[in-house]
Amino acid sequence: MTLQPQNEFSIPEETVRIARAVYPKGNTYMKMRDALGTIYQDQSFAHLFPSTGRPVEAPWRLALITVMQFMEELPDRQAADAVRGRIDWKYALVRRVARGDIPGATRKN
């Protein structure tokens, strides 16, 4: 596995729009992201990865997931569900909202 450092950390517009609609005043994770930006940088973890192999998930994102998981006392499976399904986690983790993430949304042809 190889690290491909990420340099773009802006939150996708659709994620921001939906997160602000769901949490108009924000919440802990959104406020944390807004105040601190990305807490971790990929370069901090670069020495842990070989230079060849298939790409890995951004280590800064995995570290932040671990912190958020600890804050909510979630087991691994529930933390994975939160990454997939919670808009506030997607906001903090700079993840794009997929059409299937929004209940009642339909796919445009």
N, C-alpha and C. Protein backbone atom coordinates (compact mmCIF):
# COMPACT_ATOMS: atom_id res chain seq x y z
N MET A 1 0.84 -1.18 0.00
CA MET A 1 0.00 0.00 0.00
C MET A 1 0.89 1.24 0.00
N THR A 2 0.45 2.22 -0.75
CA THR A 2 1.25 3.43 -0.88
C THR A 2 0.41 4.66 -0.56
N LEU A 3 1.06 5.65 -0.02
CA LEU A 3 0.37 6.90 0.34
C LEU A 3 0.47 7.88 -0.82
N GLN A 4 -0.67 8.42 -1.20
CA GLN A 4 -0.71 9.47 -2.20
C GLN A 4 -1.23 10.72 -1.49
N PRO A 5 -0.30 11.54 -0.97
CA PRO A 5 -0.71 12.69 -0.14
C PRO A 5 -1.76 13.56 -0.83
N GLN A 6 -2.71 13.99 -0.05
CA GLN A 6 -3.80 14.82 -0.52
C GLN A 6 -3.47 16.27 -0.18
N ASN A 7 -3.67 17.15 -1.14
CA ASN A 7 -3.40 18.56 -0.91
C ASN A 7 -4.65 19.41 -0.93
N GLU A 8 -5.75 18.87 -1.40
CA GLU A 8 -7.01 19.60 -1.49
C GLU A 8 -7.91 19.17 -0.34
N PHE A 9 -8.28 20.14 0.50
CA PHE A 9 -9.05 19.82 1.69
C PHE A 9 -10.35 20.60 1.78
N SER A 10 -10.83 21.12 0.66
CA SER A 10 -12.08 21.87 0.71
C SER A 10 -13.25 20.89 0.70
N ILE A 11 -14.26 21.23 1.45
CA ILE A 11 -15.44 20.37 1.58
C ILE A 11 -16.28 20.54 0.32
N PRO A 12 -16.72 19.43 -0.29
CA PRO A 12 -17.55 19.55 -1.50
C PRO A 12 -18.80 20.41 -1.24
N GLU A 13 -19.16 21.24 -2.22
CA GLU A 13 -20.27 22.18 -2.07
C GLU A 13 -21.57 21.50 -1.66
N GLU A 14 -21.87 20.36 -2.27
CA GLU A 14 -23.11 19.64 -1.96
C GLU A 14 -23.12 19.18 -0.49
N THR A 15 -21.98 18.73 0.00
CA THR A 15 -21.87 18.31 1.40
C THR A 15 -22.12 19.50 2.32
N VAL A 16 -21.53 20.64 2.00
CA VAL A 16 -21.72 21.85 2.82
C VAL A 16 -23.19 22.25 2.81
N ARG A 17 -23.80 22.27 1.64
CA ARG A 17 -25.20 22.70 1.52
C ARG A 17 -26.12 21.82 2.35
N ILE A 18 -25.96 20.51 2.23
CA ILE A 18 -26.82 19.58 2.95
C ILE A 18 -26.55 19.64 4.45
N ALA A 19 -25.28 19.68 4.83
CA ALA A 19 -24.92 19.73 6.25
C ALA A 19 -25.49 20.98 6.91
N ARG A 20 -25.40 22.12 6.22
CA ARG A 20 -25.93 23.37 6.78
C ARG A 20 -27.46 23.33 6.87
N ALA A 21 -28.11 22.62 5.95
CA ALA A 21 -29.56 22.49 6.01
C ALA A 21 -29.97 21.60 7.18
N VAL A 22 -29.22 20.54 7.42
CA VAL A 22 -29.54 19.60 8.50
C VAL A 22 -29.16 20.18 9.86
N TYR A 23 -28.01 20.85 9.92
CA TYR A 23 -27.50 21.44 11.16
C TYR A 23 -27.27 22.93 10.95
N PRO A 24 -28.33 23.75 10.97
CA PRO A 24 -28.16 25.19 10.69
C PRO A 24 -27.17 25.87 11.65
N LYS A 25 -27.11 25.41 12.88
CA LYS A 25 -26.17 26.00 13.85
C LYS A 25 -24.87 25.21 13.91
N GLY A 26 -24.75 24.20 13.07
CA GLY A 26 -23.58 23.34 13.11
C GLY A 26 -23.68 22.35 14.26
N ASN A 27 -22.65 21.57 14.45
CA ASN A 27 -22.55 20.67 15.60
C ASN A 27 -21.07 20.53 15.93
N THR A 28 -20.74 19.68 16.86
CA THR A 28 -19.36 19.56 17.32
C THR A 28 -18.39 19.31 16.18
N TYR A 29 -18.68 18.36 15.30
CA TYR A 29 -17.76 18.00 14.23
C TYR A 29 -17.64 19.09 13.17
N MET A 30 -18.76 19.70 12.85
CA MET A 30 -18.73 20.77 11.86
C MET A 30 -17.98 21.99 12.40
N LYS A 31 -18.23 22.32 13.66
CA LYS A 31 -17.53 23.45 14.27
C LYS A 31 -16.04 23.16 14.39
N MET A 32 -15.71 21.92 14.72
CA MET A 32 -14.30 21.52 14.82
C MET A 32 -13.63 21.69 13.46
N ARG A 33 -14.27 21.23 12.39
CA ARG A 33 -13.71 21.34 11.04
C ARG A 33 -13.57 22.80 10.63
N ASP A 34 -14.60 23.60 10.93
CA ASP A 34 -14.56 25.02 10.55
C ASP A 34 -13.47 25.78 11.31
N ALA A 35 -13.29 25.46 12.58
CA ALA A 35 -12.31 26.18 13.40
C ALA A 35 -10.88 25.71 13.16
N LEU A 36 -10.70 24.40 12.98
CA LEU A 36 -9.35 23.85 12.92
C LEU A 36 -8.90 23.43 11.53
N GLY A 37 -9.82 23.35 10.60
CA GLY A 37 -9.46 22.83 9.28
C GLY A 37 -9.15 21.35 9.41
N THR A 38 -8.25 20.86 8.60
CA THR A 38 -7.84 19.47 8.75
C THR A 38 -6.79 19.42 9.85
N ILE A 39 -7.07 18.65 10.85
CA ILE A 39 -6.19 18.57 12.03
C ILE A 39 -4.90 17.86 11.70
N TYR A 40 -5.00 16.83 10.89
CA TYR A 40 -3.83 16.03 10.53
C TYR A 40 -3.48 16.24 9.06
N GLN A 41 -2.23 16.08 8.71
CA GLN A 41 -1.77 16.18 7.33
C GLN A 41 -1.18 14.83 6.92
N ASP A 42 -1.38 14.44 5.67
CA ASP A 42 -0.85 13.17 5.17
C ASP A 42 0.66 13.06 5.35
N GLN A 43 1.36 14.17 5.20
CA GLN A 43 2.82 14.15 5.29
C GLN A 43 3.29 13.65 6.66
N SER A 44 2.48 13.84 7.68
CA SER A 44 2.84 13.36 9.03
C SER A 44 2.92 11.84 9.08
N PHE A 45 2.27 11.17 8.14
CA PHE A 45 2.20 9.72 8.13
C PHE A 45 3.01 9.09 7.01
N ALA A 46 3.60 9.90 6.15
CA ALA A 46 4.26 9.41 4.94
C ALA A 46 5.35 8.38 5.23
N HIS A 47 6.08 8.56 6.32
CA HIS A 47 7.18 7.64 6.63
C HIS A 47 6.69 6.23 6.97
N LEU A 48 5.42 6.04 7.20
CA LEU A 48 4.87 4.75 7.57
C LEU A 48 4.50 3.88 6.36
N PHE A 49 4.58 4.44 5.15
CA PHE A 49 4.13 3.74 3.96
C PHE A 49 5.26 3.55 2.96
N PRO A 50 5.27 2.40 2.26
CA PRO A 50 6.26 2.19 1.19
C PRO A 50 5.91 3.08 -0.01
N SER A 51 6.83 3.20 -0.92
CA SER A 51 6.61 4.07 -2.08
C SER A 51 5.86 3.38 -3.21
N THR A 52 5.64 2.07 -3.11
CA THR A 52 4.91 1.36 -4.16
C THR A 52 3.76 0.58 -3.55
N GLY A 53 2.82 0.22 -4.39
CA GLY A 53 1.66 -0.56 -3.94
C GLY A 53 0.37 0.17 -4.27
N ARG A 54 -0.73 -0.43 -3.88
CA ARG A 54 -2.02 0.21 -4.17
C ARG A 54 -2.26 1.36 -3.18
N PRO A 55 -3.05 2.34 -3.58
CA PRO A 55 -3.29 3.51 -2.73
C PRO A 55 -4.07 3.15 -1.46
N VAL A 56 -3.84 3.91 -0.42
CA VAL A 56 -4.54 3.72 0.86
C VAL A 56 -5.47 4.91 1.09
N GLU A 57 -6.41 4.73 2.01
CA GLU A 57 -7.26 5.84 2.44
C GLU A 57 -6.36 6.86 3.13
N ALA A 58 -6.71 8.12 3.02
CA ALA A 58 -5.89 9.19 3.60
C ALA A 58 -5.71 8.95 5.11
N PRO A 59 -4.47 8.85 5.58
CA PRO A 59 -4.23 8.59 7.00
C PRO A 59 -4.78 9.67 7.92
N TRP A 60 -4.79 10.93 7.46
CA TRP A 60 -5.35 11.98 8.31
C TRP A 60 -6.83 11.72 8.58
N ARG A 61 -7.51 11.17 7.55
CA ARG A 61 -8.94 10.88 7.68
C ARG A 61 -9.16 9.72 8.65
N LEU A 62 -8.32 8.69 8.55
CA LEU A 62 -8.44 7.55 9.47
C LEU A 62 -8.17 7.97 10.92
N ALA A 63 -7.18 8.85 11.10
CA ALA A 63 -6.88 9.33 12.45
C ALA A 63 -8.05 10.12 13.02
N LEU A 64 -8.67 10.96 12.20
CA LEU A 64 -9.81 11.75 12.67
C LEU A 64 -11.01 10.85 12.95
N ILE A 65 -11.22 9.84 12.14
CA ILE A 65 -12.31 8.88 12.41
C ILE A 65 -12.10 8.22 13.76
N THR A 66 -10.87 7.87 14.07
CA THR A 66 -10.57 7.24 15.36
C THR A 66 -10.91 8.19 16.51
N VAL A 67 -10.58 9.46 16.37
CA VAL A 67 -10.90 10.45 17.41
C VAL A 67 -12.42 10.58 17.56
N MET A 68 -13.13 10.69 16.45
CA MET A 68 -14.59 10.84 16.50
C MET A 68 -15.25 9.58 17.06
N GLN A 69 -14.71 8.43 16.71
CA GLN A 69 -15.22 7.16 17.23
C GLN A 69 -15.06 7.13 18.75
N PHE A 70 -13.91 7.56 19.23
CA PHE A 70 -13.66 7.60 20.67
C PHE A 70 -14.60 8.58 21.37
N MET A 71 -14.81 9.75 20.76
CA MET A 71 -15.69 10.76 21.36
C MET A 71 -17.11 10.23 21.58
N GLU A 72 -17.56 9.38 20.67
CA GLU A 72 -18.93 8.85 20.77
C GLU A 72 -18.99 7.44 21.34
N GLU A 73 -17.83 6.91 21.70
CA GLU A 73 -17.76 5.56 22.25
C GLU A 73 -18.42 4.54 21.33
N LEU A 74 -18.08 4.59 20.05
CA LEU A 74 -18.69 3.70 19.06
C LEU A 74 -17.80 2.49 18.80
N PRO A 75 -18.40 1.32 18.64
CA PRO A 75 -17.62 0.18 18.16
C PRO A 75 -17.27 0.41 16.68
N ASP A 76 -16.35 -0.37 16.17
CA ASP A 76 -15.86 -0.18 14.80
C ASP A 76 -16.97 -0.17 13.76
N ARG A 77 -17.89 -1.10 13.85
CA ARG A 77 -18.94 -1.19 12.84
C ARG A 77 -19.82 0.06 12.84
N GLN A 78 -20.15 0.57 14.02
CA GLN A 78 -20.97 1.78 14.09
C GLN A 78 -20.20 3.00 13.59
N ALA A 79 -18.90 3.04 13.83
CA ALA A 79 -18.08 4.14 13.30
C ALA A 79 -18.07 4.08 11.78
N ALA A 80 -17.95 2.88 11.21
CA ALA A 80 -17.98 2.73 9.75
C ALA A 80 -19.33 3.18 9.20
N ASP A 81 -20.41 2.85 9.90
CA ASP A 81 -21.73 3.30 9.48
C ASP A 81 -21.83 4.83 9.54
N ALA A 82 -21.24 5.43 10.55
CA ALA A 82 -21.27 6.89 10.69
C ALA A 82 -20.51 7.56 9.54
N VAL A 83 -19.40 6.98 9.13
CA VAL A 83 -18.64 7.52 8.00
C VAL A 83 -19.48 7.47 6.73
N ARG A 84 -20.22 6.40 6.55
CA ARG A 84 -21.05 6.24 5.35
C ARG A 84 -22.33 7.06 5.39
N GLY A 85 -22.91 7.23 6.58
CA GLY A 85 -24.25 7.76 6.64
C GLY A 85 -24.49 9.10 7.32
N ARG A 86 -23.54 9.59 8.06
CA ARG A 86 -23.79 10.83 8.81
C ARG A 86 -23.19 12.04 8.10
N ILE A 87 -24.03 13.00 7.81
CA ILE A 87 -23.59 14.18 7.07
C ILE A 87 -22.57 14.99 7.86
N ASP A 88 -22.70 15.04 9.19
CA ASP A 88 -21.72 15.80 9.98
C ASP A 88 -20.34 15.15 9.92
N TRP A 89 -20.28 13.84 9.88
CA TRP A 89 -19.00 13.14 9.73
C TRP A 89 -18.44 13.38 8.33
N LYS A 90 -19.29 13.33 7.31
CA LYS A 90 -18.82 13.59 5.95
C LYS A 90 -18.24 15.00 5.84
N TYR A 91 -18.89 15.94 6.48
CA TYR A 91 -18.43 17.33 6.49
C TYR A 91 -17.03 17.41 7.11
N ALA A 92 -16.86 16.84 8.29
CA ALA A 92 -15.57 16.89 8.98
C ALA A 92 -14.48 16.13 8.22
N LEU A 93 -14.87 15.07 7.54
CA LEU A 93 -13.92 14.21 6.84
C LEU A 93 -13.71 14.60 5.38
N VAL A 94 -14.35 15.71 4.95
CA VAL A 94 -14.22 16.22 3.59
C VAL A 94 -14.62 15.12 2.59
N ARG A 95 -15.81 14.57 2.80
CA ARG A 95 -16.32 13.51 1.93
C ARG A 95 -17.48 14.05 1.10
N ARG A 96 -17.61 13.55 -0.09
CA ARG A 96 -18.71 13.92 -0.99
C ARG A 96 -19.96 13.14 -0.58
N VAL A 97 -21.09 13.80 -0.62
CA VAL A 97 -22.37 13.15 -0.34
C VAL A 97 -22.82 12.46 -1.62
N ALA A 98 -23.12 11.17 -1.51
CA ALA A 98 -23.61 10.41 -2.65
C ALA A 98 -25.13 10.48 -2.69
N ARG A 99 -25.70 10.30 -3.85
CA ARG A 99 -27.15 10.36 -4.02
C ARG A 99 -27.85 9.41 -3.05
N GLY A 100 -27.30 8.23 -2.83
CA GLY A 100 -27.90 7.24 -1.95
C GLY A 100 -27.82 7.60 -0.47
N ASP A 101 -27.03 8.63 -0.13
CA ASP A 101 -26.89 9.05 1.26
C ASP A 101 -28.07 9.88 1.74
N ILE A 102 -28.88 10.36 0.82
CA ILE A 102 -29.98 11.26 1.17
C ILE A 102 -31.29 10.49 1.07
N PRO A 103 -31.95 10.25 2.21
CA PRO A 103 -33.21 9.51 2.17
C PRO A 103 -34.23 10.19 1.25
N GLY A 104 -34.85 9.41 0.39
CA GLY A 104 -35.86 9.92 -0.51
C GLY A 104 -35.33 10.52 -1.80
N ALA A 105 -34.00 10.64 -1.91
CA ALA A 105 -33.42 11.19 -3.14
C ALA A 105 -33.49 10.16 -4.25
N THR A 106 -33.71 10.61 -5.44
CA THR A 106 -33.74 9.70 -6.58
C THR A 106 -32.62 10.06 -7.53
N ARG A 107 -32.16 9.08 -8.26
CA ARG A 107 -31.06 9.28 -9.21
C ARG A 107 -31.62 9.88 -10.50
N LYS A 108 -30.94 10.89 -11.00
CA LYS A 108 -31.34 11.50 -12.27
C LYS A 108 -30.71 10.70 -13.40
N ASN A 109 -31.47 10.48 -14.46
CA ASN A 109 -30.95 9.75 -15.63
C ASN A 109 -30.29 10.68 -16.58
